[in-house]
Amino acid sequence: MTTLPVTPLPPTVPTLRVTDLHAESRPDAIGITETRPRLSWRTETCTPAWAQHAYRIQAFSRNGDVMGDTGRIESAESVLVAWPFVPLQARERRSIRLQVWGSDGHTSEFSEALVIEAGLLNPQDWTAQFITPAWDEDTTQPQPSPLLRREFHVASRVKCARLYITALGVYELYLNGQNVSPDVLAPGWTSYRTRLRYQTYDVTDLIQDGANAIGALLGDGWYRGRLGFGGGKRNIYGDRLALLAQLELEYEDGRTEHVVSDEKWRATTGPVLATDLYDGETYDARLEQSAWTAPHFNDQTWRPVRILTEDFTRLTAPEGPPVRRTELLEPKAIFTSPSGKTLVDFGQNLVGWLRISVQGEAGHTVTLQHAEVLEHGELGTRPLRFAAATDRYTLKGGGIENWEPRFTFHGFRYAQIDNWPGELRPEDIRAVVVHSDLERTGWFECSDPLINQLHQNVVWGMRGNFLAIPTDCPQRDERLGWTGDIQVFAPTASFLYNVRGFLSSWLKDLAADQEDTGAVPAVIPHVLAAPLPAAAWGDAATVVPWVLYQRYGDKGVLEEQFSSMKAWVDYVHSRTGPSLLWDQDFQFGDWLDPAAPPTNPADGRTNPSVVATAYFVRSAELVANTASILGRKDDATHYQQLANDVRAAFEAEYVTANGRIISDSSTAYALAVQFTLLRGEKQRTYAGRRLRALVRENGYRIGTGFVGTPLICDALCSVGEYDAAYRLLTQTECPSWLYPVTMGATTIWERWDSMLPDGSINPGEMTSFNHYALGAVADWLHRTVAGLAPGAGDVGYRRLDIHPVPGGRLTSARAQHITPYGLAESSWEIQEGQFKLHVVVPPNTTADVTLPSGEVHHVASGTYNWTVPYQASGTTGPVTLESDFDTLSSHPELYQNVIQAVQAHSADHLDGFRKSLQSSLAGTSIQRAVWGIPHREELLQKLEQLLMEQSA
């Protein structure tokens, strides 16, 4: 079972406490570039139905002087409250505290202070310069990582030390031999030509009196390393690695001093001989220079550096958390493959690298190769394509050596260890889990262990692919910010983790890389040869900001992205012309529809123009809604009319009067239902029936790709077909969400059949075992199965919609989410004909609670429990030859036994039997489905005996 946070029992005396005071979306508030940062806080209280009536905010200088006091402000707002004081100046530091007044008449104590410190806000705040080694390099291939250093002297006691730093490439920085931060792969990946993040560190404790040394190690990273599939391309952003570092010292006596990157630094190469995100890192420990980051090191043999002229206007502070090591995993097994290779299984597909402890002779090289799966007992490297995913460590000799790479990462569960000196022991090796250090905010569990594992797979897939940017896969020669993936997954992501800053930063890259025409490239940052603007992918420009607004109440992200949102819709409009049908240009369509051939994943059952035009309606409507929220009345009117016109064009071209849609596919109907593309009740009723029929005819197996899969369960539920949605969820035959779970998957796969039932890897060139997009179903698990959702018509969970809908064979489900106001929970179980619901509503919020009977309760904050009679719907009773597919398939083991019996009787007729049984024609029974099979009476006798034995 998943470990969930525990709701504390209320104390005997009511308390009121302000917690989690923070600025914007930063995990800390040191070095921010917002001069008027918005403030948010949560409140803890045991008083039922508590609501905030007022707040008071105070600001203090570094010396403790009062710099501002709002006094009592009558307001219930506690999320993204406007900065109430004068704007911050560069380097300015303020301590903020607040108190609140509640509906119970109590006043809180002041909160703990939040320190907010502005970073460097303008180019003129920088006196440092970008420096690079002065030597020439052949950057068509990986080069040794440069070391850069300088020493400086501190004559008196330092009161405060701030380090502002970034790099062209990735960096590690040391002060007096100590790494200044746990961050890795900094500064991360942005659209470097327009946005380059710099980090701010408090290094006061690392400064010592007298001699000091500062040193940096640089790697290629995304800046000049290889990016893209099919061999990729190097030096996309530039061919020179460079460091920008500005150390600002404030002494006790009030003096200040800057130690900056300039021509006083020296450079050389060291033990990192080559580093690449795809191919791995090569390290020769014999080339290490002991204490090179400490003072009094002799660097006379080191070479000069030179200055690079760069644009300082692109420097910006991070909005989301850094990439960090977050977990260590021990080996689950160390074993020998059929070919004699040493393999390590960590039991979990993850993203990161290996940490080793090894002892051997100098010059001995250990090779570490990574892959997600095994095939025929050997490391399955074919899906990696042109990514070597191999690290090499050459020993220096003389004792135990501890090592892990710095400037690469791998997607893997298994590692092949070649040339290990002696016996490899479990304690010699660990897997280091690496990703953006996001705050976990959502949890789910239920009574079905397969579904629990599915949800865990979604979480691990997100962890691995949220590394600096939202990537499509972490293992092969790709790892790009595909817009289509995050467009469908953003609701799930925002429940599981706090992604507001992470995704708002990525959206700025999207706007930066958006073409003048408004076209949105298919990957952000844009590094492909062609932009490939396409429906559902480019619509990330409108959908992702809207999700952030809905889930976090962040109106600012709509203001920031509105021009980008409009530009995308205007671009699509320019491509459709007067017809308003997007029936030209390249489209991904319903990518990876199971019916598409392995070599052509865009060739699904749904006409690409149906997908494209449906998304045109969706995005135009989102722009209209956004314009209305922002008070842009003319834009709101224009884009709503455009959405209405495109909806009418869609209906006229693709929908019959009765409601049948061109392509007649599950995805087509799901789009029409969820994007409200059908105006008449007659059309909607038919579409609902036809959607259920198609899902049933497919045996309740997945018949949708990247576009349809995130919508299919919600679409079925919105037309009342909850049973069909649950049958889809609990299906274990391929293609289904649970088939990979039955095959041992620990992350979400790219293809429904990334691994075939015989244990071999899908023969397609594009096969990943860690691809989060199809895990978007988790959002439906949270909202419908557990029943925890943000309330309609409100944003940021200010109002909750608690409406669990039990189904399938589930007897319990539970979801918890840390909303902007605090922990919310919906937990239910069915016992002895009773439905028991437990609900937690955070302070300062309300909830609409709907019980299975349809009874609705409007409640304020607090903890609630309901127990009501409950009888499960669906098919019950014995299965006979007259039973239909729904009755038979509701007994999974019996269904499989029937399938096996038909296959044993006549394998050539199995597909016909299944299609006939799954037909939407009324009255199709097991007995009728065997019509036409040779020796039918003999088969019927076998099946009747099987059904009788099972019933007994």
Foldseek 3Di string as FASTA:
>chain_A
DDDDDDDDDDDPDKAKAKDDKDWFQEPAAAAAQFQWTFIAIFMDIFDFQKFFQWKKKWKAFPVGHTPDIPPIDGDRDGARHTRPHGTDDAQGKIWMWMWTAMPVRDIHDIHHIGIHTHHHHDPVSAPFFWKFAPDDDDLQAFFFWKKKKDKDAAAAQFPWKKKKKAKLAFKFKDKQRHTQDQFFRPPFDFLVQQAHEIDMGTCNVRDDHTMMMMMMIGAHFPRFAAADPPRGHGNLNHRTMIMWMWMWTAHPVGDIDIDTHDFNMFMDGFQFGGAHQQAGTEGAVLRHDPSPRRPPDDCVVTHTIHGDDDDPVNYRHALAFGKGFDDKFFFPDWDAFPVGWIKTFRLFFAKFWKKFKAADAAFQKKKKAFAAADFNRHGDCLLQHPGRRMYMYGDRHDHIDIDIDGRYMAGHRMMTIPRGPDDDDRVGMIGTHIAGPFAFFKDKDFPDVLVNLLVLQLVRLQRRQRHSARFFFRHHNHSFAFQLQCLLQVLVVVFGTPCLSVVLSQLVQQLVCQDPQLATARTGVDDDPDRQRAFSRLLSLQRNLVSSCFAAVDLVSLVVSLVSLVSNLSSQCVCCDPLLFNQDDDYLALFQQVVDDLARRSPALDRRSLRRLLRSLVSLQSSLVSCVVVVNPVSNVVSPVSSVVSLVSLCVPAADPQQQGPSLFLQSLLSCQVSVSDDDPRNVLVSLVSNLLRCLLVVLEGRTGLRRLLRRCVSNVVNPNNQSSVSQQPDCDPQGSSVVVVVSQSHDWNHSPCDPPVRHGDPRNNTHSRGNRSSSCVSVCQCEQLNWAQDPPDHQNLEIEREYDDYQPIFKMKMWGQTSHGIWIWIWGDDPQKIKIKIARGRNHWYWHQDNVRDIDTGRGHIDMDIDGDDYDADDDAAAQQDASRNQVSPVVLVVVLLVLVCVQPVVCSVQLSSQRSHPDPRRGNLNSLPPPPPSVVSNVVSRVSRVVVVD
